[in-house]
C-alpha atoms as a PDB file:
ATOM      1  CA  UNK A   1       0.000   0.000   0.000  1.00  0.00           C
ATOM      2  CA  UNK A   2       3.089   2.231  -0.383  1.00  0.00           C
ATOM      3  CA  UNK A   3       3.985   3.211  -3.954  1.00  0.00           C
ATOM      4  CA  UNK A   4       7.624   4.040  -3.217  1.00  0.00           C
ATOM      5  CA  UNK A   5       8.203   0.940  -1.083  1.00  0.00           C
ATOM      6  CA  UNK A   6       6.896  -1.242  -3.913  1.00  0.00           C
ATOM      7  CA  UNK A   7       9.081   0.578  -6.431  1.00  0.00           C
ATOM      8  CA  UNK A   8      12.186   0.037  -4.312  1.00  0.00           C
ATOM      9  CA  UNK A   9      11.334  -3.613  -3.636  1.00  0.00           C
ATOM     10  CA  UNK A  10      10.823  -4.205  -7.352  1.00  0.00           C
ATOM     11  CA  UNK A  11      14.085  -2.430  -8.146  1.00  0.00           C
ATOM     12  CA  UNK A  12      15.899  -4.745  -5.710  1.00  0.00           C
ATOM     13  CA  UNK A  13      14.200  -7.823  -7.208  1.00  0.00           C
ATOM     14  CA  UNK A  14      14.985  -6.800 -10.782  1.00  0.00           C
ATOM     15  CA  UNK A  15      18.644  -6.140  -9.953  1.00  0.00           C
ATOM     16  CA  UNK A  16      18.910  -9.419  -8.054  1.00  0.00           C
ATOM     17  CA  UNK A  17      17.398 -11.491 -10.862  1.00  0.00           C
ATOM     18  CA  UNK A  18      19.280  -9.681 -13.643  1.00  0.00           C
ATOM     19  CA  UNK A  19      22.521 -10.381 -11.767  1.00  0.00           C
ATOM     20  CA  UNK A  20      21.881 -14.076 -12.328  1.00  0.00           C
ATOM     21  CA  UNK A  21      20.808 -14.997  -8.800  1.00  0.00           C
ATOM     22  CA  UNK A  22      17.696 -16.833  -9.928  1.00  0.00           C
ATOM     23  CA  UNK A  23      14.011 -16.023  -9.668  1.00  0.00           C
ATOM     24  CA  UNK A  24      12.218 -14.341  -6.783  1.00  0.00           C
ATOM     25  CA  UNK A  25       8.622 -14.364  -5.644  1.00  0.00           C
ATOM     26  CA  UNK A  26       7.195 -11.187  -4.163  1.00  0.00           C
ATOM     27  CA  UNK A  27       4.179 -11.280  -1.904  1.00  0.00           C
ATOM     28  CA  UNK A  28       2.339  -8.000  -1.513  1.00  0.00           C
ATOM     29  CA  UNK A  29      -0.473  -7.118   0.840  1.00  0.00           C
ATOM     30  CA  UNK A  30      -3.137  -4.812  -0.554  1.00  0.00           C
ATOM     31  CA  UNK A  31      -6.627  -3.837   0.483  1.00  0.00           C
ATOM     32  CA  UNK A  32      -9.580  -4.422  -1.819  1.00  0.00           C
ATOM     33  CA  UNK A  33     -12.171  -1.648  -1.515  1.00  0.00           C
ATOM     34  CA  UNK A  34     -14.906  -3.519  -3.362  1.00  0.00           C
ATOM     35  CA  UNK A  35     -16.286  -7.034  -3.430  1.00  0.00           C
ATOM     36  CA  UNK A  36     -15.335  -9.626  -6.022  1.00  0.00           C
ATOM     37  CA  UNK A  37     -18.503  -9.268  -8.077  1.00  0.00           C
ATOM     38  CA  UNK A  38     -22.060  -7.954  -8.096  1.00  0.00           C
ATOM     39  CA  UNK A  39     -23.084 -10.866  -5.856  1.00  0.00           C
ATOM     40  CA  UNK A  40     -20.302  -9.969  -3.378  1.00  0.00           C
ATOM     41  CA  UNK A  41     -20.598  -6.323  -2.349  1.00  0.00           C
ATOM     42  CA  UNK A  42     -17.719  -6.806   0.088  1.00  0.00           C
ATOM     43  CA  UNK A  43     -19.718  -5.582   3.064  1.00  0.00           C
ATOM     44  CA  UNK A  44     -20.724  -8.940   4.513  1.00  0.00           C
ATOM     45  CA  UNK A  45     -17.296  -9.581   6.025  1.00  0.00           C
ATOM     46  CA  UNK A  46     -16.198  -6.013   6.781  1.00  0.00           C
ATOM     47  CA  UNK A  47     -17.987  -2.828   7.673  1.00  0.00           C
ATOM     48  CA  UNK A  48     -18.353   0.290   5.572  1.00  0.00           C
ATOM     49  CA  UNK A  49     -16.573   2.130   8.411  1.00  0.00           C
ATOM     50  CA  UNK A  50     -13.546  -0.168   8.060  1.00  0.00           C
ATOM     51  CA  UNK A  51     -13.401   0.433   4.314  1.00  0.00           C
ATOM     52  CA  UNK A  52     -13.714   4.209   4.807  1.00  0.00           C
ATOM     53  CA  UNK A  53     -10.994   4.164   7.481  1.00  0.00           C
ATOM     54  CA  UNK A  54      -8.550   2.286   5.250  1.00  0.00           C
ATOM     55  CA  UNK A  55      -9.310   4.591   2.327  1.00  0.00           C
ATOM     56  CA  UNK A  56      -8.751   7.653   4.538  1.00  0.00           C
ATOM     57  CA  UNK A  57      -5.545   6.486   6.239  1.00  0.00           C
ATOM     58  CA  UNK A  58      -3.823   3.906   4.011  1.00  0.00           C
ATOM     59  CA  UNK A  59      -4.896   4.562   0.404  1.00  0.00           C
ATOM     60  CA  UNK A  60      -1.695   4.347  -1.688  1.00  0.00           C
ATOM     61  CA  UNK A  61      -2.753   7.006  -4.184  1.00  0.00           C
ATOM     62  CA  UNK A  62      -3.704   9.488  -1.480  1.00  0.00           C
ATOM     63  CA  UNK A  63      -0.544   8.799   0.517  1.00  0.00           C
ATOM     64  CA  UNK A  64       1.647   9.217  -2.565  1.00  0.00           C
ATOM     65  CA  UNK A  65      -0.145  12.445  -3.487  1.00  0.00           C
ATOM     66  CA  UNK A  66       0.433  13.790   0.043  1.00  0.00           C
ATOM     67  CA  UNK A  67       4.108  12.804  -0.137  1.00  0.00           C
ATOM     68  CA  UNK A  68       4.553  14.617  -3.470  1.00  0.00           C
ATOM     69  CA  UNK A  69       2.949  17.774  -2.067  1.00  0.00           C
ATOM     70  CA  UNK A  70       4.837  17.763   1.260  1.00  0.00           C
ATOM     71  CA  UNK A  71       8.104  17.173  -0.613  1.00  0.00           C
ATOM     72  CA  UNK A  72       7.363  20.275  -2.705  1.00  0.00           C
ATOM     73  CA  UNK A  73       7.521  18.274  -5.934  1.00  0.00           C
ATOM     74  CA  UNK A  74       4.103  19.622  -6.953  1.00  0.00           C
ATOM     75  CA  UNK A  75       1.369  21.795  -5.497  1.00  0.00           C
ATOM     76  CA  UNK A  76      -2.113  20.617  -4.625  1.00  0.00           C
ATOM     77  CA  UNK A  77      -3.417  22.718  -7.534  1.00  0.00           C
ATOM     78  CA  UNK A  78      -1.015  21.038  -9.967  1.00  0.00           C
ATOM     79  CA  UNK A  79      -2.068  17.600  -8.734  1.00  0.00           C
ATOM     80  CA  UNK A  80      -5.754  18.530  -9.047  1.00  0.00           C
ATOM     81  CA  UNK A  81      -5.198  19.769 -12.624  1.00  0.00           C
ATOM     82  CA  UNK A  82      -3.374  16.526 -13.494  1.00  0.00           C
ATOM     83  CA  UNK A  83      -6.197  14.450 -11.964  1.00  0.00           C
ATOM     84  CA  UNK A  84      -8.744  16.373 -14.054  1.00  0.00           C
ATOM     85  CA  UNK A  85      -6.724  15.797 -17.237  1.00  0.00           C
ATOM     86  CA  UNK A  86      -6.389  12.095 -16.483  1.00  0.00           C
ATOM     87  CA  UNK A  87     -10.089  11.768 -15.636  1.00  0.00           C
ATOM     88  CA  UNK A  88     -10.969  13.429 -18.965  1.00  0.00           C
ATOM     89  CA  UNK A  89      -8.644  11.051 -20.855  1.00  0.00           C
ATOM     90  CA  UNK A  90     -10.123   8.016 -19.071  1.00  0.00           C
ATOM     91  CA  UNK A  91     -13.684   9.211 -19.725  1.00  0.00           C
ATOM     92  CA  UNK A  92     -12.887   9.696 -23.432  1.00  0.00           C
ATOM     93  CA  UNK A  93     -11.292   6.236 -23.691  1.00  0.00           C
ATOM     94  CA  UNK A  94     -14.204   4.665 -21.788  1.00  0.00           C
ATOM     95  CA  UNK A  95     -16.728   6.252 -24.135  1.00  0.00           C
ATOM     96  CA  UNK A  96     -14.746   5.061 -27.162  1.00  0.00           C
ATOM     97  CA  UNK A  97     -14.546   1.526 -25.755  1.00  0.00           C
ATOM     98  CA  UNK A  98     -18.296   1.471 -25.127  1.00  0.00           C
ATOM     99  CA  UNK A  99     -19.259   2.762 -28.564  1.00  0.00           C
ATOM    100  CA  UNK A 100     -16.686   1.167 -30.901  1.00  0.00           C
ATOM    101  CA  UNK A 101     -17.601  -1.982 -32.761  1.00  0.00           C
ATOM    102  CA  UNK A 102     -16.329  -5.251 -31.325  1.00  0.00           C
ATOM    103  CA  UNK A 103     -13.113  -6.438 -32.973  1.00  0.00           C
ATOM    104  CA  UNK A 104     -12.957  -9.823 -34.677  1.00  0.00           C
ATOM    105  CA  UNK A 105     -11.362 -12.657 -32.719  1.00  0.00           C
ATOM    106  CA  UNK A 106      -8.215 -12.676 -34.900  1.00  0.00           C
ATOM    107  CA  UNK A 107      -7.364  -9.200 -33.549  1.00  0.00           C
ATOM    108  CA  UNK A 108      -7.182 -10.436 -29.958  1.00  0.00           C
ATOM    109  CA  UNK A 109      -3.367 -10.284 -29.675  1.00  0.00           C
ATOM    110  CA  UNK A 110      -2.573  -7.336 -31.948  1.00  0.00           C
ATOM    111  CA  UNK A 111      -1.571  -3.921 -30.645  1.00  0.00           C
ATOM    112  CA  UNK A 112      -1.444  -5.142 -27.054  1.00  0.00           C
ATOM    113  CA  UNK A 113       1.002  -2.491 -25.831  1.00  0.00           C
ATOM    114  CA  UNK A 114       1.354   1.209 -26.503  1.00  0.00           C
ATOM    115  CA  UNK A 115       4.700   2.950 -26.644  1.00  0.00           C
ATOM    116  CA  UNK A 116       7.845   1.011 -25.821  1.00  0.00           C
ATOM    117  CA  UNK A 117       9.398  -0.158 -29.114  1.00  0.00           C
ATOM    118  CA  UNK A 118      11.856  -2.425 -27.288  1.00  0.00           C
ATOM    119  CA  UNK A 119       9.083  -4.541 -25.808  1.00  0.00           C
ATOM    120  CA  UNK A 120       8.612  -8.110 -26.899  1.00  0.00           C
ATOM    121  CA  UNK A 121       4.979  -8.866 -27.622  1.00  0.00           C
ATOM    122  CA  UNK A 122       3.461 -12.272 -28.173  1.00  0.00           C
ATOM    123  CA  UNK A 123       2.097 -12.507 -31.688  1.00  0.00           C
ATOM    124  CA  UNK A 124      -1.006 -14.330 -32.853  1.00  0.00           C
ATOM    125  CA  UNK A 125       0.976 -17.550 -33.200  1.00  0.00           C
ATOM    126  CA  UNK A 126       1.497 -19.446 -29.914  1.00  0.00           C
ATOM    127  CA  UNK A 127       4.918 -19.012 -28.302  1.00  0.00           C
ATOM    128  CA  UNK A 128       6.224 -16.750 -31.078  1.00  0.00           C
ATOM    129  CA  UNK A 129       7.501 -13.375 -29.958  1.00  0.00           C
ATOM    130  CA  UNK A 130       8.241 -10.384 -32.149  1.00  0.00           C
ATOM    131  CA  UNK A 131       9.387  -6.828 -31.675  1.00  0.00           C
ATOM    132  CA  UNK A 132       6.433  -4.566 -30.946  1.00  0.00           C
ATOM    133  CA  UNK A 133       5.535  -2.241 -33.797  1.00  0.00           C
ATOM    134  CA  UNK A 134       3.080   0.608 -33.014  1.00  0.00           C
END
């Protein structure tokens, strides 16, 4: 539930594995704010007060935002503006996803990633990997 702690733990793991020391398994503890499905609202085994308390005191996004502001890396106004821009981008993408036609099955594995040209992406053929091309 701590963004920077996870980043540092992952950095350690990546360095360790890349140095040839073998694989690692990382166990992380997170808190799920919602139930598993519509039939599991998540309130039968914990109270709404518990959920609200965790959200108020241990939410990783809120804690990271507070850390950025108290470290003078950004102001609250800058963070709010960024949140508004991101929310607008997510809303636009959500609307597009809801209104676009469904792709044919053969498109399932194409254009999986956006950006990184050095990424290896699994192609439509099983166990065949190719350089990602945007």
